[in-house]
Amino acid sequence: MINEKLFFKISSYNPVGPRNGQYKVYQKMAFLKKNLEGINEEQVEEYSVVLCKIFRWVNMAVDIRCEDVVNRRDNIEYMKQDRNAALQAEAARTSKFE
């Protein structure tokens, strides 16, 4: 499984941005993080240096992906609050004008 195709997929992976479509349970970040928790990096490195590098990349990709999801969620919430504040200001301005 460790061949040119794997390294091409690693290099073309983009952890940023929304994903469309339905996901199975094993494709979700919470499931992946839970599976990665029990793995010790030193033990992986003792077994294989190449697998350790791949393991580090997977951990980093999952962390970046989770951080991106949180950032997008927070940004949407901020935009909603900003919009509500603008609507309230517009209503106050309109009532004052009348």
PDB file of N, CA and C in Angstrom:
ATOM      1  N   MET A   1       0.808  -1.202   0.000  1.00  0.00           N
ATOM      2  CA  MET A   1       0.000   0.000   0.000  1.00  0.00           C
ATOM      3  C   MET A   1       0.858   1.276   0.000  1.00  0.00           C
ATOM      4  N   ILE A   2       2.080   1.174   0.476  1.00  0.00           N
ATOM      5  CA  ILE A   2       2.954   2.351   0.481  1.00  0.00           C
ATOM      6  C   ILE A   2       3.690   2.384  -0.843  1.00  0.00           C
ATOM      7  N   ASN A   3       3.184   3.224  -1.732  1.00  0.00           N
ATOM      8  CA  ASN A   3       3.784   3.347  -3.058  1.00  0.00           C
ATOM      9  C   ASN A   3       3.572   4.772  -3.564  1.00  0.00           C
ATOM     10  N   GLU A   4       3.817   4.977  -4.846  1.00  0.00           N
ATOM     11  CA  GLU A   4       3.694   6.302  -5.446  1.00  0.00           C
ATOM     12  C   GLU A   4       2.273   6.847  -5.323  1.00  0.00           C
ATOM     13  N   LYS A   5       1.292   5.987  -5.428  1.00  0.00           N
ATOM     14  CA  LYS A   5      -0.100   6.414  -5.367  1.00  0.00           C
ATOM     15  C   LYS A   5      -0.424   7.025  -3.998  1.00  0.00           C
ATOM     16  N   LEU A   6       0.066   6.413  -2.924  1.00  0.00           N
ATOM     17  CA  LEU A   6      -0.162   6.932  -1.582  1.00  0.00           C
ATOM     18  C   LEU A   6       0.459   8.315  -1.432  1.00  0.00           C
ATOM     19  N   PHE A   7       1.689   8.483  -1.865  1.00  0.00           N
ATOM     20  CA  PHE A   7       2.366   9.764  -1.719  1.00  0.00           C
ATOM     21  C   PHE A   7       1.741  10.837  -2.609  1.00  0.00           C
ATOM     22  N   PHE A   8       1.202  10.442  -3.769  1.00  0.00           N
ATOM     23  CA  PHE A   8       0.481  11.393  -4.612  1.00  0.00           C
ATOM     24  C   PHE A   8      -0.793  11.858  -3.915  1.00  0.00           C
ATOM     25  N   LYS A   9      -1.518  10.931  -3.299  1.00  0.00           N
ATOM     26  CA  LYS A   9      -2.750  11.295  -2.579  1.00  0.00           C
ATOM     27  C   LYS A   9      -2.431  12.187  -1.381  1.00  0.00           C
ATOM     28  N   ILE A  10      -1.333  11.900  -0.684  1.00  0.00           N
ATOM     29  CA  ILE A  10      -0.926  12.739   0.441  1.00  0.00           C
ATOM     30  C   ILE A  10      -0.625  14.153  -0.039  1.00  0.00           C
ATOM     31  N   SER A  11       0.099  14.268  -1.143  1.00  0.00           N
ATOM     32  CA  SER A  11       0.470  15.598  -1.627  1.00  0.00           C
ATOM     33  C   SER A  11      -0.722  16.361  -2.182  1.00  0.00           C
ATOM     34  N   SER A  12      -1.747  15.669  -2.652  1.00  0.00           N
ATOM     35  CA  SER A  12      -2.897  16.366  -3.222  1.00  0.00           C
ATOM     36  C   SER A  12      -4.020  16.601  -2.213  1.00  0.00           C
ATOM     37  N   TYR A  13      -3.863  16.126  -0.976  1.00  0.00           N
ATOM     38  CA  TYR A  13      -4.904  16.301   0.034  1.00  0.00           C
ATOM     39  C   TYR A  13      -4.977  17.751   0.490  1.00  0.00           C
ATOM     40  N   ASN A  14      -6.186  18.286   0.551  1.00  0.00           N
ATOM     41  CA  ASN A  14      -6.405  19.658   1.019  1.00  0.00           C
ATOM     42  C   ASN A  14      -7.341  19.609   2.221  1.00  0.00           C
ATOM     43  N   PRO A  15      -6.832  19.861   3.430  1.00  0.00           N
ATOM     44  CA  PRO A  15      -7.672  19.747   4.626  1.00  0.00           C
ATOM     45  C   PRO A  15      -8.573  20.952   4.875  1.00  0.00           C
ATOM     46  N   VAL A  16      -8.480  21.985   4.057  1.00  0.00           N
ATOM     47  CA  VAL A  16      -9.208  23.223   4.298  1.00  0.00           C
ATOM     48  C   VAL A  16     -10.426  23.299   3.383  1.00  0.00           C
ATOM     49  N   GLY A  17     -11.525  23.780   3.939  1.00  0.00           N
ATOM     50  CA  GLY A  17     -12.731  24.008   3.156  1.00  0.00           C
ATOM     51  C   GLY A  17     -13.813  22.996   3.461  1.00  0.00           C
ATOM     52  N   PRO A  18     -15.044  23.344   3.085  1.00  0.00           N
ATOM     53  CA  PRO A  18     -16.162  22.438   3.364  1.00  0.00           C
ATOM     54  C   PRO A  18     -16.143  21.218   2.448  1.00  0.00           C
ATOM     55  N   ARG A  19     -16.695  20.147   2.943  1.00  0.00           N
ATOM     56  CA  ARG A  19     -16.835  18.912   2.171  1.00  0.00           C
ATOM     57  C   ARG A  19     -18.314  18.665   1.941  1.00  0.00           C
ATOM     58  N   ASN A  20     -18.666  18.237   0.766  1.00  0.00           N
ATOM     59  CA  ASN A  20     -20.054  17.953   0.436  1.00  0.00           C
ATOM     60  C   ASN A  20     -20.285  16.462   0.401  1.00  0.00           C
ATOM     61  N   GLY A  21     -21.517  16.068   0.637  1.00  0.00           N
ATOM     62  CA  GLY A  21     -21.860  14.663   0.528  1.00  0.00           C
ATOM     63  C   GLY A  21     -22.103  14.014   1.872  1.00  0.00           C
ATOM     64  N   GLN A  22     -22.536  12.787   1.810  1.00  0.00           N
ATOM     65  CA  GLN A  22     -22.792  11.997   3.004  1.00  0.00           C
ATOM     66  C   GLN A  22     -21.527  11.242   3.396  1.00  0.00           C
ATOM     67  N   TYR A  23     -21.305  11.105   4.699  1.00  0.00           N
ATOM     68  CA  TYR A  23     -20.130  10.413   5.188  1.00  0.00           C
ATOM     69  C   TYR A  23     -20.537   9.240   6.052  1.00  0.00           C
ATOM     70  N   LYS A  24     -19.795   8.177   5.932  1.00  0.00           N
ATOM     71  CA  LYS A  24     -20.005   7.027   6.792  1.00  0.00           C
ATOM     72  C   LYS A  24     -19.325   7.317   8.132  1.00  0.00           C
ATOM     73  N   VAL A  25     -19.684   6.558   9.148  1.00  0.00           N
ATOM     74  CA  VAL A  25     -19.166   6.811  10.499  1.00  0.00           C
ATOM     75  C   VAL A  25     -17.644   6.768  10.514  1.00  0.00           C
ATOM     76  N   TYR A  26     -17.034   5.832   9.799  1.00  0.00           N
ATOM     77  CA  TYR A  26     -15.579   5.692   9.826  1.00  0.00           C
ATOM     78  C   TYR A  26     -14.867   6.778   9.033  1.00  0.00           C
ATOM     79  N   GLN A  27     -15.594   7.622   8.336  1.00  0.00           N
ATOM     80  CA  GLN A  27     -14.985   8.702   7.580  1.00  0.00           C
ATOM     81  C   GLN A  27     -14.991  10.028   8.348  1.00  0.00           C
ATOM     82  N   LYS A  28     -15.587  10.054   9.514  1.00  0.00           N
ATOM     83  CA  LYS A  28     -15.710  11.298  10.267  1.00  0.00           C
ATOM     84  C   LYS A  28     -14.498  11.506  11.168  1.00  0.00           C
ATOM     85  N   MET A  29     -14.202  12.777  11.444  1.00  0.00           N
ATOM     86  CA  MET A  29     -13.007  13.139  12.195  1.00  0.00           C
ATOM     87  C   MET A  29     -13.025  12.593  13.618  1.00  0.00           C
ATOM     88  N   ALA A  30     -14.174  12.586  14.264  1.00  0.00           N
ATOM     89  CA  ALA A  30     -14.242  12.086  15.645  1.00  0.00           C
ATOM     90  C   ALA A  30     -13.851  10.614  15.695  1.00  0.00           C
ATOM     91  N   PHE A  31     -14.294   9.840  14.730  1.00  0.00           N
ATOM     92  CA  PHE A  31     -13.941   8.422  14.661  1.00  0.00           C
ATOM     93  C   PHE A  31     -12.449   8.254  14.424  1.00  0.00           C
ATOM     94  N   LEU A  32     -11.897   9.052  13.524  1.00  0.00           N
ATOM     95  CA  LEU A  32     -10.464   8.966  13.234  1.00  0.00           C
ATOM     96  C   LEU A  32      -9.625   9.358  14.449  1.00  0.00           C
ATOM     97  N   LYS A  33     -10.009  10.437  15.113  1.00  0.00           N
ATOM     98  CA  LYS A  33      -9.257  10.873  16.299  1.00  0.00           C
ATOM     99  C   LYS A  33      -9.296   9.819  17.396  1.00  0.00           C
ATOM    100  N   LYS A  34     -10.452   9.196  17.579  1.00  0.00           N
ATOM    101  CA  LYS A  34     -10.585   8.165  18.607  1.00  0.00           C
ATOM    102  C   LYS A  34      -9.680   6.973  18.292  1.00  0.00           C
ATOM    103  N   ASN A  35      -9.580   6.600  17.025  1.00  0.00           N
ATOM    104  CA  ASN A  35      -8.714   5.485  16.635  1.00  0.00           C
ATOM    105  C   ASN A  35      -7.236   5.823  16.765  1.00  0.00           C
ATOM    106  N   LEU A  36      -6.880   7.076  16.580  1.00  0.00           N
ATOM    107  CA  LEU A  36      -5.472   7.478  16.662  1.00  0.00           C
ATOM    108  C   LEU A  36      -4.998   7.669  18.095  1.00  0.00           C
ATOM    109  N   GLU A  37      -5.922   7.840  19.043  1.00  0.00           N
ATOM    110  CA  GLU A  37      -5.546   8.111  20.429  1.00  0.00           C
ATOM    111  C   GLU A  37      -4.689   7.015  21.059  1.00  0.00           C
ATOM    112  N   GLY A  38      -4.997   5.785  20.796  1.00  0.00           N
ATOM    113  CA  GLY A  38      -4.313   4.690  21.463  1.00  0.00           C
ATOM    114  C   GLY A  38      -2.964   4.326  20.873  1.00  0.00           C
ATOM    115  N   ILE A  39      -2.558   4.998  19.829  1.00  0.00           N
ATOM    116  CA  ILE A  39      -1.312   4.641  19.149  1.00  0.00           C
ATOM    117  C   ILE A  39      -0.178   5.509  19.675  1.00  0.00           C
ATOM    118  N   ASN A  40       0.906   4.866  20.074  1.00  0.00           N
ATOM    119  CA  ASN A  40       2.077   5.553  20.600  1.00  0.00           C
ATOM    120  C   ASN A  40       3.061   5.796  19.455  1.00  0.00           C
ATOM    121  N   GLU A  41       3.453   7.047  19.281  1.00  0.00           N
ATOM    122  CA  GLU A  41       4.333   7.412  18.176  1.00  0.00           C
ATOM    123  C   GLU A  41       5.702   6.731  18.271  1.00  0.00           C
ATOM    124  N   GLU A  42       6.227   6.583  19.479  1.00  0.00           N
ATOM    125  CA  GLU A  42       7.540   5.951  19.634  1.00  0.00           C
ATOM    126  C   GLU A  42       7.498   4.480  19.205  1.00  0.00           C
ATOM    127  N   GLN A  43       6.424   3.805  19.537  1.00  0.00           N
ATOM    128  CA  GLN A  43       6.295   2.404  19.149  1.00  0.00           C
ATOM    129  C   GLN A  43       6.183   2.260  17.635  1.00  0.00           C
ATOM    130  N   VAL A  44       5.476   3.190  17.009  1.00  0.00           N
ATOM    131  CA  VAL A  44       5.369   3.159  15.550  1.00  0.00           C
ATOM    132  C   VAL A  44       6.735   3.402  14.929  1.00  0.00           C
ATOM    133  N   GLU A  45       7.499   4.334  15.506  1.00  0.00           N
ATOM    134  CA  GLU A  45       8.824   4.634  14.971  1.00  0.00           C
ATOM    135  C   GLU A  45       9.776   3.452  15.147  1.00  0.00           C
ATOM    136  N   GLU A  46       9.651   2.742  16.254  1.00  0.00           N
ATOM    137  CA  GLU A  46      10.469   1.542  16.449  1.00  0.00           C
ATOM    138  C   GLU A  46      10.139   0.477  15.410  1.00  0.00           C
ATOM    139  N   TYR A  47       8.876   0.399  15.031  1.00  0.00           N
ATOM    140  CA  TYR A  47       8.450  -0.595  14.053  1.00  0.00           C
ATOM    141  C   TYR A  47       8.904  -0.211  12.655  1.00  0.00           C
ATOM    142  N   SER A  48       8.644   1.055  12.262  1.00  0.00           N
ATOM    143  CA  SER A  48       9.011   1.505  10.917  1.00  0.00           C
ATOM    144  C   SER A  48       9.074   3.024  10.889  1.00  0.00           C
ATOM    145  N   VAL A  49      10.167   3.549  10.383  1.00  0.00           N
ATOM    146  CA  VAL A  49      10.340   4.996  10.281  1.00  0.00           C
ATOM    147  C   VAL A  49       9.359   5.565   9.262  1.00  0.00           C
ATOM    148  N   VAL A  50       9.143   4.856   8.167  1.00  0.00           N
ATOM    149  CA  VAL A  50       8.228   5.320   7.126  1.00  0.00           C
ATOM    150  C   VAL A  50       6.798   5.386   7.671  1.00  0.00           C
ATOM    151  N   LEU A  51       6.381   4.349   8.382  1.00  0.00           N
ATOM    152  CA  LEU A  51       5.041   4.364   8.960  1.00  0.00           C
ATOM    153  C   LEU A  51       4.901   5.464  10.000  1.00  0.00           C
ATOM    154  N   CYS A  52       5.960   5.776  10.702  1.00  0.00           N
ATOM    155  CA  CYS A  52       5.919   6.855  11.684  1.00  0.00           C
ATOM    156  C   CYS A  52       5.702   8.203  10.985  1.00  0.00           C
ATOM    157  N   LYS A  53       6.368   8.409   9.872  1.00  0.00           N
ATOM    158  CA  LYS A  53       6.182   9.650   9.112  1.00  0.00           C
ATOM    159  C   LYS A  53       4.743   9.755   8.614  1.00  0.00           C
ATOM    160  N   ILE A  54       4.207   8.653   8.119  1.00  0.00           N
ATOM    161  CA  ILE A  54       2.817   8.645   7.658  1.00  0.00           C
ATOM    162  C   ILE A  54       1.873   8.885   8.831  1.00  0.00           C
ATOM    163  N   PHE A  55       2.160   8.273   9.969  1.00  0.00           N
ATOM    164  CA  PHE A  55       1.353   8.462  11.171  1.00  0.00           C
ATOM    165  C   PHE A  55       1.359   9.925  11.605  1.00  0.00           C
ATOM    166  N   ARG A  56       2.515  10.561  11.591  1.00  0.00           N
ATOM    167  CA  ARG A  56       2.604  11.977  11.952  1.00  0.00           C
ATOM    168  C   ARG A  56       1.794  12.829  10.985  1.00  0.00           C
ATOM    169  N   TRP A  57       1.892  12.513   9.690  1.00  0.00           N
ATOM    170  CA  TRP A  57       1.138  13.262   8.690  1.00  0.00           C
ATOM    171  C   TRP A  57      -0.362  13.111   8.925  1.00  0.00           C
ATOM    172  N   VAL A  58      -0.825  11.911   9.203  1.00  0.00           N
ATOM    173  CA  VAL A  58      -2.248  11.678   9.444  1.00  0.00           C
ATOM    174  C   VAL A  58      -2.704  12.463  10.665  1.00  0.00           C
ATOM    175  N   ASN A  59      -1.927  12.425  11.738  1.00  0.00           N
ATOM    176  CA  ASN A  59      -2.279  13.200  12.933  1.00  0.00           C
ATOM    177  C   ASN A  59      -2.368  14.693  12.626  1.00  0.00           C
ATOM    178  N   MET A  60      -1.394  15.186  11.887  1.00  0.00           N
ATOM    179  CA  MET A  60      -1.379  16.599  11.543  1.00  0.00           C
ATOM    180  C   MET A  60      -2.562  16.952  10.639  1.00  0.00           C
ATOM    181  N   ALA A  61      -2.862  16.105   9.669  1.00  0.00           N
ATOM    182  CA  ALA A  61      -3.985  16.363   8.761  1.00  0.00           C
ATOM    183  C   ALA A  61      -5.309  16.377   9.516  1.00  0.00           C
ATOM    184  N   VAL A  62      -5.491  15.455  10.448  1.00  0.00           N
ATOM    185  CA  VAL A  62      -6.723  15.411  11.242  1.00  0.00           C
ATOM    186  C   VAL A  62      -6.826  16.659  12.117  1.00  0.00           C
ATOM    187  N   ASP A  63      -5.736  17.057  12.745  1.00  0.00           N
ATOM    188  CA  ASP A  63      -5.750  18.257  13.590  1.00  0.00           C
ATOM    189  C   ASP A  63      -6.069  19.510  12.776  1.00  0.00           C
ATOM    190  N   ILE A  64      -5.449  19.649  11.612  1.00  0.00           N
ATOM    191  CA  ILE A  64      -5.693  20.817  10.760  1.00  0.00           C
ATOM    192  C   ILE A  64      -7.136  20.825  10.282  1.00  0.00           C
ATOM    193  N   ARG A  65      -7.642  19.661   9.918  1.00  0.00           N
ATOM    194  CA  ARG A  65      -9.025  19.565   9.454  1.00  0.00           C
ATOM    195  C   ARG A  65     -10.007  19.967  10.562  1.00  0.00           C
ATOM    196  N   CYS A  66      -9.780  19.461  11.760  1.00  0.00           N
ATOM    197  CA  CYS A  66     -10.655  19.802  12.893  1.00  0.00           C
ATOM    198  C   CYS A  66     -10.582  21.289  13.204  1.00  0.00           C
ATOM    199  N   GLU A  67      -9.391  21.851  13.154  1.00  0.00           N
ATOM    200  CA  GLU A  67      -9.221  23.279  13.404  1.00  0.00           C
ATOM    201  C   GLU A  67      -9.945  24.103  12.343  1.00  0.00           C
ATOM    202  N   ASP A  68      -9.893  23.670  11.098  1.00  0.00           N
ATOM    203  CA  ASP A  68     -10.580  24.372  10.018  1.00  0.00           C
ATOM    204  C   ASP A  68     -12.090  24.343  10.228  1.00  0.00           C
ATOM    205  N   VAL A  69     -12.626  23.196  10.634  1.00  0.00           N
ATOM    206  CA  VAL A  69     -14.059  23.088  10.886  1.00  0.00           C
ATOM    207  C   VAL A  69     -14.472  24.049  11.999  1.00  0.00           C
ATOM    208  N   VAL A  70     -13.703  24.092  13.072  1.00  0.00           N
ATOM    209  CA  VAL A  70     -14.008  24.991  14.189  1.00  0.00           C
ATOM    210  C   VAL A  70     -13.917  26.451  13.740  1.00  0.00           C
ATOM    211  N   ASN A  71     -12.901  26.800  12.975  1.00  0.00           N
ATOM    212  CA  ASN A  71     -12.744  28.175  12.503  1.00  0.00           C
ATOM    213  C   ASN A  71     -13.908  28.589  11.606  1.00  0.00           C
ATOM    214  N   ARG A  72     -14.322  27.716  10.696  1.00  0.00           N
ATOM    215  CA  ARG A  72     -15.447  28.043   9.826  1.00  0.00           C
ATOM    216  C   ARG A  72     -16.737  28.184  10.620  1.00  0.00           C
ATOM    217  N   ARG A  73     -16.951  27.311  11.609  1.00  0.00           N
ATOM    218  CA  ARG A  73     -18.142  27.395  12.450  1.00  0.00           C
ATOM    219  C   ARG A  73     -18.154  28.711  13.229  1.00  0.00           C
ATOM    220  N   ASP A  74     -17.013  29.085  13.807  1.00  0.00           N
ATOM    221  CA  ASP A  74     -16.922  30.335  14.554  1.00  0.00           C
ATOM    222  C   ASP A  74     -17.123  31.545  13.642  1.00  0.00           C
ATOM    223  N   ASN A  75     -16.590  31.474  12.439  1.00  0.00           N
ATOM    224  CA  ASN A  75     -16.744  32.572  11.486  1.00  0.00           C
ATOM    225  C   ASN A  75     -18.208  32.754  11.098  1.00  0.00           C
ATOM    226  N   ILE A  76     -18.918  31.669  10.888  1.00  0.00           N
ATOM    227  CA  ILE A  76     -20.343  31.746  10.554  1.00  0.00           C
ATOM    228  C   ILE A  76     -21.123  32.358  11.715  1.00  0.00           C
ATOM    229  N   GLU A  77     -20.811  31.949  12.933  1.00  0.00           N
ATOM    230  CA  GLU A  77     -21.478  32.503  14.107  1.00  0.00           C
ATOM    231  C   GLU A  77     -21.200  33.995  14.245  1.00  0.00           C
ATOM    232  N   TYR A  78     -19.961  34.407  13.995  1.00  0.00           N
ATOM    233  CA  TYR A  78     -19.611  35.823  14.055  1.00  0.00           C
ATOM    234  C   TYR A  78     -20.375  36.607  12.989  1.00  0.00           C
ATOM    235  N   MET A  79     -20.465  36.053  11.789  1.00  0.00           N
ATOM    236  CA  MET A  79     -21.191  36.732  10.713  1.00  0.00           C
ATOM    237  C   MET A  79     -22.681  36.859  11.043  1.00  0.00           C
ATOM    238  N   LYS A  80     -23.263  35.846  11.686  1.00  0.00           N
ATOM    239  CA  LYS A  80     -24.673  35.921  12.098  1.00  0.00           C
ATOM    240  C   LYS A  80     -24.868  37.023  13.129  1.00  0.00           C
ATOM    241  N   GLN A  81     -23.975  37.093  14.113  1.00  0.00           N
ATOM    242  CA  GLN A  81     -24.079  38.130  15.137  1.00  0.00           C
ATOM    243  C   GLN A  81     -23.897  39.514  14.533  1.00  0.00           C
ATOM    244  N   ASP A  82     -22.963  39.644  13.603  1.00  0.00           N
ATOM    245  CA  ASP A  82     -22.721  40.916  12.934  1.00  0.00           C
ATOM    246  C   ASP A  82     -23.950  41.337  12.129  1.00  0.00           C
ATOM    247  N   ARG A  83     -24.573  40.398  11.446  1.00  0.00           N
ATOM    248  CA  ARG A  83     -25.774  40.682  10.663  1.00  0.00           C
ATOM    249  C   ARG A  83     -26.917  41.108  11.579  1.00  0.00           C
ATOM    250  N   ASN A  84     -27.099  40.401  12.692  1.00  0.00           N
ATOM    251  CA  ASN A  84     -28.157  40.772  13.630  1.00  0.00           C
ATOM    252  C   ASN A  84     -27.935  42.170  14.200  1.00  0.00           C
ATOM    253  N   ALA A  85     -26.707  42.496  14.514  1.00  0.00           N
ATOM    254  CA  ALA A  85     -26.393  43.832  15.027  1.00  0.00           C
ATOM    255  C   ALA A  85     -26.691  44.889  13.967  1.00  0.00           C
ATOM    256  N   ALA A  86     -26.371  44.611  12.709  1.00  0.00           N
ATOM    257  CA  ALA A  86     -26.650  45.557  11.623  1.00  0.00           C
ATOM    258  C   ALA A  86     -28.156  45.721  11.427  1.00  0.00           C
ATOM    259  N   LEU A  87     -28.910  44.637  11.513  1.00  0.00           N
ATOM    260  CA  LEU A  87     -30.361  44.727  11.380  1.00  0.00           C
ATOM    261  C   LEU A  87     -30.968  45.536  12.526  1.00  0.00           C
ATOM    262  N   GLN A  88     -30.475  45.336  13.733  1.00  0.00           N
ATOM    263  CA  GLN A  88     -30.974  46.099  14.874  1.00  0.00           C
ATOM    264  C   GLN A  88     -30.627  47.580  14.734  1.00  0.00           C
ATOM    265  N   ALA A  89     -29.420  47.852  14.263  1.00  0.00           N
ATOM    266  CA  ALA A  89     -29.025  49.253  14.047  1.00  0.00           C
ATOM    267  C   ALA A  89     -29.896  49.885  12.967  1.00  0.00           C
ATOM    268  N   GLU A  90     -30.195  49.150  11.917  1.00  0.00           N
ATOM    269  CA  GLU A  90     -31.053  49.655  10.837  1.00  0.00           C
ATOM    270  C   GLU A  90     -32.462  49.905  11.351  1.00  0.00           C
ATOM    271  N   ALA A  91     -32.987  49.007  12.188  1.00  0.00           N
ATOM    272  CA  ALA A  91     -34.319  49.206  12.756  1.00  0.00           C
ATOM    273  C   ALA A  91     -34.344  50.420  13.670  1.00  0.00           C
ATOM    274  N   ALA A  92     -33.292  50.601  14.466  1.00  0.00           N
ATOM    275  CA  ALA A  92     -33.213  51.761  15.347  1.00  0.00           C
ATOM    276  C   ALA A  92     -33.117  53.046  14.533  1.00  0.00           C
ATOM    277  N   ARG A  93     -32.348  53.029  13.470  1.00  0.00           N
ATOM    278  CA  ARG A  93     -32.199  54.207  12.618  1.00  0.00           C
ATOM    279  C   ARG A  93     -33.520  54.540  11.931  1.00  0.00           C
ATOM    280  N   THR A  94     -34.218  53.526  11.457  1.00  0.00           N
ATOM    281  CA  THR A  94     -35.496  53.738  10.785  1.00  0.00           C
ATOM    282  C   THR A  94     -36.533  54.294  11.752  1.00  0.00           C
ATOM    283  N   SER A  95     -36.597  53.729  12.947  1.00  0.00           N
ATOM    284  CA  SER A  95     -37.571  54.243  13.925  1.00  0.00           C
ATOM    285  C   SER A  95     -37.244  55.665  14.345  1.00  0.00           C
ATOM    286  N   LYS A  96     -35.975  55.981  14.459  1.00  0.00           N
ATOM    287  CA  LYS A  96     -35.558  57.342  14.827  1.00  0.00           C
ATOM    288  C   LYS A  96     -35.886  58.315  13.700  1.00  0.00           C
ATOM    289  N   PHE A  97     -35.726  57.865  12.453  1.00  0.00           N
ATOM    290  CA  PHE A  97     -36.010  58.703  11.292  1.00  0.00           C
ATOM    291  C   PHE A  97     -37.493  59.019  11.201  1.00  0.00           C
ATOM    292  N   GLU A  98     -38.329  57.997  11.523  1.00  0.00           N
ATOM    293  CA  GLU A  98     -39.774  58.205  11.440  1.00  0.00           C
ATOM    294  C   GLU A  98     -40.213  59.114  12.559  1.00  0.00           C
TER     295      GLU A  98
END
